[in-house]
Amino acid sequence: MKAQRPVRPGWFFRNRRQYLALSEVPRTLNIPSQEVQDAVTLGELQIERISGCKAVAVNELFHYIDMRGGKR
């Protein structure tokens, strides 16, 4: 049997892409949840459903961090 590394709760993998649960984004980026909600509403963060859980692709988060850094 192949041993697998443990995956932290809130992290998902689908089609070789890594995702983070939307509820974990504020804690991971250390930003208020209202800012994440605004980013989703404005279309700055694209969410996907994975097994009924709203998630954001990690590469989307990197893009959002870059965009957010330019606004400051």
C-alpha atoms as a PDB file:
ATOM      1  CA  MET A   1       0.000   0.000   0.000  1.00  0.00           C
ATOM      2  CA  LYS A   2       1.334   3.408  -0.952  1.00  0.00           C
ATOM      3  CA  ALA A   3       1.737   5.840   1.934  1.00  0.00           C
ATOM      4  CA  GLN A   4       0.229   9.265   1.376  1.00  0.00           C
ATOM      5  CA  ARG A   5       1.224  12.495   3.029  1.00  0.00           C
ATOM      6  CA  PRO A   6      -1.504  13.877   5.263  1.00  0.00           C
ATOM      7  CA  VAL A   7      -3.430  16.769   3.753  1.00  0.00           C
ATOM      8  CA  ARG A   8      -4.419  19.633   6.007  1.00  0.00           C
ATOM      9  CA  PRO A   9      -8.163  20.183   6.449  1.00  0.00           C
ATOM     10  CA  GLY A  10      -9.530  22.666   3.938  1.00  0.00           C
ATOM     11  CA  TRP A  11      -7.071  21.724   1.179  1.00  0.00           C
ATOM     12  CA  PHE A  12      -8.308  19.850  -1.875  1.00  0.00           C
ATOM     13  CA  PHE A  13      -6.779  18.387  -5.020  1.00  0.00           C
ATOM     14  CA  ARG A  14      -8.700  17.960  -8.268  1.00  0.00           C
ATOM     15  CA  ASN A  15      -7.288  17.356 -11.743  1.00  0.00           C
ATOM     16  CA  ARG A  16      -3.759  17.941 -10.427  1.00  0.00           C
ATOM     17  CA  ARG A  17      -4.712  21.416  -9.167  1.00  0.00           C
ATOM     18  CA  GLN A  18      -4.657  22.432  -5.525  1.00  0.00           C
ATOM     19  CA  TYR A  19      -7.600  24.219  -3.930  1.00  0.00           C
ATOM     20  CA  LEU A  20      -8.249  25.862  -0.582  1.00  0.00           C
ATOM     21  CA  ALA A  21     -11.655  25.981   1.106  1.00  0.00           C
ATOM     22  CA  LEU A  22     -13.134  29.473   0.940  1.00  0.00           C
ATOM     23  CA  SER A  23     -13.608  29.453   4.718  1.00  0.00           C
ATOM     24  CA  GLU A  24      -9.831  28.983   5.186  1.00  0.00           C
ATOM     25  CA  VAL A  25      -8.757  31.857   2.897  1.00  0.00           C
ATOM     26  CA  PRO A  26      -8.951  34.657   5.518  1.00  0.00           C
ATOM     27  CA  ARG A  27      -6.878  32.672   8.012  1.00  0.00           C
ATOM     28  CA  THR A  28      -4.322  31.627   5.379  1.00  0.00           C
ATOM     29  CA  LEU A  29      -3.880  35.141   3.942  1.00  0.00           C
ATOM     30  CA  ASN A  30      -4.313  36.839   7.334  1.00  0.00           C
ATOM     31  CA  ILE A  31      -6.997  39.215   6.038  1.00  0.00           C
ATOM     32  CA  PRO A  32     -10.540  39.975   7.240  1.00  0.00           C
ATOM     33  CA  SER A  33     -13.298  37.708   5.930  1.00  0.00           C
ATOM     34  CA  GLN A  34     -15.145  40.788   4.654  1.00  0.00           C
ATOM     35  CA  GLU A  35     -12.284  41.445   2.226  1.00  0.00           C
ATOM     36  CA  VAL A  36     -12.567  37.889   0.875  1.00  0.00           C
ATOM     37  CA  GLN A  37     -16.326  38.299   0.504  1.00  0.00           C
ATOM     38  CA  ASP A  38     -15.820  41.563  -1.399  1.00  0.00           C
ATOM     39  CA  ALA A  39     -13.230  39.920  -3.679  1.00  0.00           C
ATOM     40  CA  VAL A  40     -15.658  37.106  -4.531  1.00  0.00           C
ATOM     41  CA  THR A  41     -18.497  39.584  -5.137  1.00  0.00           C
ATOM     42  CA  LEU A  42     -16.327  41.749  -7.401  1.00  0.00           C
ATOM     43  CA  GLY A  43     -15.107  38.697  -9.319  1.00  0.00           C
ATOM     44  CA  GLU A  44     -11.492  39.029  -8.180  1.00  0.00           C
ATOM     45  CA  LEU A  45     -11.614  35.495  -6.753  1.00  0.00           C
ATOM     46  CA  GLN A  46     -13.307  32.704  -8.700  1.00  0.00           C
ATOM     47  CA  ILE A  47     -14.832  29.991  -6.540  1.00  0.00           C
ATOM     48  CA  GLU A  48     -15.571  26.381  -7.491  1.00  0.00           C
ATOM     49  CA  ARG A  49     -17.564  23.696  -5.716  1.00  0.00           C
ATOM     50  CA  ILE A  50     -15.705  20.551  -4.760  1.00  0.00           C
ATOM     51  CA  SER A  51     -17.903  17.916  -3.127  1.00  0.00           C
ATOM     52  CA  GLY A  52     -20.289  20.667  -2.017  1.00  0.00           C
ATOM     53  CA  CYS A  53     -17.544  22.857  -0.541  1.00  0.00           C
ATOM     54  CA  LYS A  54     -16.746  26.271  -1.958  1.00  0.00           C
ATOM     55  CA  ALA A  55     -13.062  26.400  -2.819  1.00  0.00           C
ATOM     56  CA  VAL A  56     -10.549  28.691  -4.519  1.00  0.00           C
ATOM     57  CA  ALA A  57      -7.695  27.464  -6.706  1.00  0.00           C
ATOM     58  CA  VAL A  58      -4.318  28.199  -5.124  1.00  0.00           C
ATOM     59  CA  ASN A  59      -3.075  29.832  -8.335  1.00  0.00           C
ATOM     60  CA  GLU A  60      -6.133  32.159  -8.125  1.00  0.00           C
ATOM     61  CA  LEU A  61      -5.019  33.104  -4.614  1.00  0.00           C
ATOM     62  CA  PHE A  62      -1.530  33.949  -5.864  1.00  0.00           C
ATOM     63  CA  HIS A  63      -3.062  36.101  -8.604  1.00  0.00           C
ATOM     64  CA  TYR A  64      -5.287  37.837  -6.031  1.00  0.00           C
ATOM     65  CA  ILE A  65      -2.302  38.484  -3.732  1.00  0.00           C
ATOM     66  CA  ASP A  66      -0.414  40.058  -6.655  1.00  0.00           C
ATOM     67  CA  MET A  67      -3.442  42.210  -7.555  1.00  0.00           C
ATOM     68  CA  ARG A  68      -3.948  43.192  -3.935  1.00  0.00           C
ATOM     69  CA  GLY A  69      -0.280  44.172  -3.582  1.00  0.00           C
ATOM     70  CA  GLY A  70      -0.624  46.523  -6.561  1.00  0.00           C
ATOM     71  CA  LYS A  71      -3.559  48.331  -4.932  1.00  0.00           C
ATOM     72  CA  ARG A  72      -1.513  49.337  -1.900  1.00  0.00           C
END
